Each structure stands twice: as structure tokens, then as C-alpha cells.
Amino acid sequence: MYLVLIAWLYVALMMAVAEATSPVGSLMGALFTFLLYGLLPMGVIGYIMGTPARRRARLAREMAERDGAAPQPAPLASPDTGSETPRASVAPVRKEP
């Protein structure tokens, strides 16, 4: 999602730069080009595309409040699920003299 937004903002920025450096263009026109072709539409698209994530967060918050528990953040990494038990120390392997 963000890749498309960033790419379109880059295109709009290049359009604004081209207008600003054009002999018949102006900085004011470049500013309006960037705002009306770049920031405004991508802000609307980003808001619309972010709606499902906001809805999931709101529902999770409401469920946590209803259950009376504080909302739990998602774990950053899964715990070690290896089948071997960890050892306190491992003996070093050395060459025989």
C-alpha cells in the first residue's frame, strides 16, 4: 500500500519540479500541482485504504474493554519452540596437542 503512495508522490513531485523549472511555469503553480496532484489525492487514498486496519484496532479495543482486561499488544517475535532443551554451557572442542 505504502509503495504505491510513495511512488505517486514521487511522480507528483517530479511534475512540480518540471513546472517550476519550465520557462512558462511558476513556483506557485508547482506548489498547487504538488498539492492537487500529489498530497490531496494520496491522503484520501491512504485514509480509505487504512480503514480496515483502524476498524480491526477499534474492535480489538472494544473487546478488551468489554472483557475488562487491558488490551494486549501483539508479540514481536514468537518464542523459541525448539525441541531441544537449552544447556547452561557447552564444552569447547580443542585439538589434541
C-alpha atoms as a PDB file:
ATOM      1  CA  MET A   1       0.000   0.000   0.000  1.00  0.00           C
ATOM      2  CA  TYR A   2       2.657   2.479   1.029  1.00  0.00           C
ATOM      3  CA  LEU A   3       4.807   1.728  -2.008  1.00  0.00           C
ATOM      4  CA  VAL A   4       2.105   2.994  -4.367  1.00  0.00           C
ATOM      5  CA  LEU A   5       1.575   6.119  -2.257  1.00  0.00           C
ATOM      6  CA  ILE A   6       5.280   6.906  -2.159  1.00  0.00           C
ATOM      7  CA  ALA A   7       5.670   6.259  -5.885  1.00  0.00           C
ATOM      8  CA  TRP A   8       2.782   8.553  -6.786  1.00  0.00           C
ATOM      9  CA  LEU A   9       4.097  11.297  -4.502  1.00  0.00           C
ATOM     10  CA  TYR A  10       7.441  10.986  -6.298  1.00  0.00           C
ATOM     11  CA  VAL A  11       5.700  11.365  -9.669  1.00  0.00           C
ATOM     12  CA  ALA A  12       3.788  14.407  -8.418  1.00  0.00           C
ATOM     13  CA  LEU A  13       6.989  15.912  -7.034  1.00  0.00           C
ATOM     14  CA  MET A  14       8.731  15.450 -10.393  1.00  0.00           C
ATOM     15  CA  MET A  15       5.752  17.103 -12.122  1.00  0.00           C
ATOM     16  CA  ALA A  16       6.048  20.045  -9.735  1.00  0.00           C
ATOM     17  CA  VAL A  17       9.796  20.324 -10.311  1.00  0.00           C
ATOM     18  CA  ALA A  18       9.260  20.269 -14.067  1.00  0.00           C
ATOM     19  CA  GLU A  19       6.678  23.021 -13.782  1.00  0.00           C
ATOM     20  CA  ALA A  20       8.879  25.120 -11.505  1.00  0.00           C
ATOM     21  CA  THR A  21      11.883  24.902 -13.849  1.00  0.00           C
ATOM     22  CA  SER A  22       9.863  25.463 -17.005  1.00  0.00           C
ATOM     23  CA  PRO A  23      10.246  28.925 -18.615  1.00  0.00           C
ATOM     24  CA  VAL A  24       6.463  29.409 -18.580  1.00  0.00           C
ATOM     25  CA  GLY A  25       5.921  27.799 -15.145  1.00  0.00           C
ATOM     26  CA  SER A  26       5.985  29.308 -11.682  1.00  0.00           C
ATOM     27  CA  LEU A  27       6.684  28.223  -8.140  1.00  0.00           C
ATOM     28  CA  MET A  28       3.081  28.879  -7.177  1.00  0.00           C
ATOM     29  CA  GLY A  29       1.904  26.610  -9.995  1.00  0.00           C
ATOM     30  CA  ALA A  30       4.387  23.946  -8.883  1.00  0.00           C
ATOM     31  CA  LEU A  31       3.091  24.135  -5.328  1.00  0.00           C
ATOM     32  CA  PHE A  32      -0.520  23.738  -6.468  1.00  0.00           C
ATOM     33  CA  THR A  33       0.495  20.908  -8.790  1.00  0.00           C
ATOM     34  CA  PHE A  34       2.101  19.019  -5.924  1.00  0.00           C
ATOM     35  CA  LEU A  35      -0.798  19.662  -3.556  1.00  0.00           C
ATOM     36  CA  LEU A  36      -3.619  18.888  -6.001  1.00  0.00           C
ATOM     37  CA  TYR A  37      -1.972  16.003  -7.879  1.00  0.00           C
ATOM     38  CA  GLY A  38       0.025  14.561  -5.002  1.00  0.00           C
ATOM     39  CA  LEU A  39      -0.821  15.204  -1.384  1.00  0.00           C
ATOM     40  CA  LEU A  40      -4.579  15.628  -1.548  1.00  0.00           C
ATOM     41  CA  PRO A  41      -5.441  12.504  -3.597  1.00  0.00           C
ATOM     42  CA  MET A  42      -2.897  10.321  -1.815  1.00  0.00           C
ATOM     43  CA  GLY A  43      -4.166  11.486   1.562  1.00  0.00           C
ATOM     44  CA  VAL A  44      -7.687  10.431   0.604  1.00  0.00           C
ATOM     45  CA  ILE A  45      -6.500   7.095  -0.833  1.00  0.00           C
ATOM     46  CA  GLY A  46      -4.342   6.409   2.236  1.00  0.00           C
ATOM     47  CA  TYR A  47      -7.267   7.149   4.541  1.00  0.00           C
ATOM     48  CA  ILE A  48      -9.598   4.853   2.603  1.00  0.00           C
ATOM     49  CA  MET A  49      -7.051   2.031   2.377  1.00  0.00           C
ATOM     50  CA  GLY A  50      -6.284   2.288   6.107  1.00  0.00           C
ATOM     51  CA  THR A  51      -9.934   1.870   7.121  1.00  0.00           C
ATOM     52  CA  PRO A  52      -9.823  -1.932   7.671  1.00  0.00           C
ATOM     53  CA  ALA A  53      -6.811  -1.639   9.997  1.00  0.00           C
ATOM     54  CA  ARG A  54      -8.483   1.111  12.017  1.00  0.00           C
ATOM     55  CA  ARG A  55     -11.655  -0.971  12.240  1.00  0.00           C
ATOM     56  CA  ARG A  56      -9.745  -4.030  13.489  1.00  0.00           C
ATOM     57  CA  ALA A  57      -7.957  -1.938  16.115  1.00  0.00           C
ATOM     58  CA  ARG A  58     -11.223  -0.394  17.276  1.00  0.00           C
ATOM     59  CA  LEU A  59     -12.937  -3.792  17.549  1.00  0.00           C
ATOM     60  CA  ALA A  60      -9.976  -5.256  19.463  1.00  0.00           C
ATOM     61  CA  ARG A  61     -10.044  -2.304  21.860  1.00  0.00           C
ATOM     62  CA  GLU A  62     -13.804  -2.687  22.387  1.00  0.00           C
ATOM     63  CA  MET A  63     -13.467  -6.435  23.010  1.00  0.00           C
ATOM     64  CA  ALA A  64     -10.706  -5.820  25.557  1.00  0.00           C
ATOM     65  CA  GLU A  65     -12.794  -3.196  27.338  1.00  0.00           C
ATOM     66  CA  ARG A  66     -15.814  -5.495  27.365  1.00  0.00           C
ATOM     67  CA  ASP A  67     -13.777  -8.347  28.860  1.00  0.00           C
ATOM     68  CA  GLY A  68     -12.367  -5.991  31.474  1.00  0.00           C
ATOM     69  CA  ALA A  69      -8.778  -6.652  30.524  1.00  0.00           C
ATOM     70  CA  ALA A  70      -6.215  -4.229  29.245  1.00  0.00           C
ATOM     71  CA  PRO A  71      -5.502  -4.594  25.534  1.00  0.00           C
ATOM     72  CA  GLN A  72      -2.505  -6.817  24.911  1.00  0.00           C
ATOM     73  CA  PRO A  73      -0.016  -5.771  22.249  1.00  0.00           C
ATOM     74  CA  ALA A  74       0.862  -8.313  19.607  1.00  0.00           C
ATOM     75  CA  PRO A  75       4.106 -10.204  20.288  1.00  0.00           C
ATOM     76  CA  LEU A  76       7.036  -9.022  18.221  1.00  0.00           C
ATOM     77  CA  ALA A  77       8.517 -12.478  17.785  1.00  0.00           C
ATOM     78  CA  SER A  78       7.363 -15.986  18.514  1.00  0.00           C
ATOM     79  CA  PRO A  79       9.008 -17.734  21.447  1.00  0.00           C
ATOM     80  CA  ASP A  80      11.567 -20.453  20.903  1.00  0.00           C
ATOM     81  CA  THR A  81       9.674 -23.622  20.088  1.00  0.00           C
ATOM     82  CA  GLY A  82      12.677 -25.875  19.580  1.00  0.00           C
ATOM     83  CA  SER A  83      12.534 -29.473  20.771  1.00  0.00           C
ATOM     84  CA  GLU A  84      15.942 -29.408  22.467  1.00  0.00           C
ATOM     85  CA  THR A  85      16.396 -28.010  25.933  1.00  0.00           C
ATOM     86  CA  PRO A  86      18.934 -25.192  26.247  1.00  0.00           C
ATOM     87  CA  ARG A  87      22.186 -26.053  28.000  1.00  0.00           C
ATOM     88  CA  ALA A  88      23.911 -23.872  30.558  1.00  0.00           C
ATOM     89  CA  SER A  89      27.315 -24.240  28.920  1.00  0.00           C
ATOM     90  CA  VAL A  90      28.878 -26.130  26.080  1.00  0.00           C
ATOM     91  CA  ALA A  91      32.316 -27.629  26.461  1.00  0.00           C
ATOM     92  CA  PRO A  92      34.775 -26.213  23.916  1.00  0.00           C
ATOM     93  CA  VAL A  93      36.245 -28.554  21.338  1.00  0.00           C
ATOM     94  CA  ARG A  94      40.029 -28.439  21.206  1.00  0.00           C
ATOM     95  CA  LYS A  95      42.698 -30.096  19.143  1.00  0.00           C
ATOM     96  CA  GLU A  96      44.823 -32.679  20.881  1.00  0.00           C
ATOM     97  CA  PRO A  97      48.432 -31.461  21.348  1.00  0.00           C
END
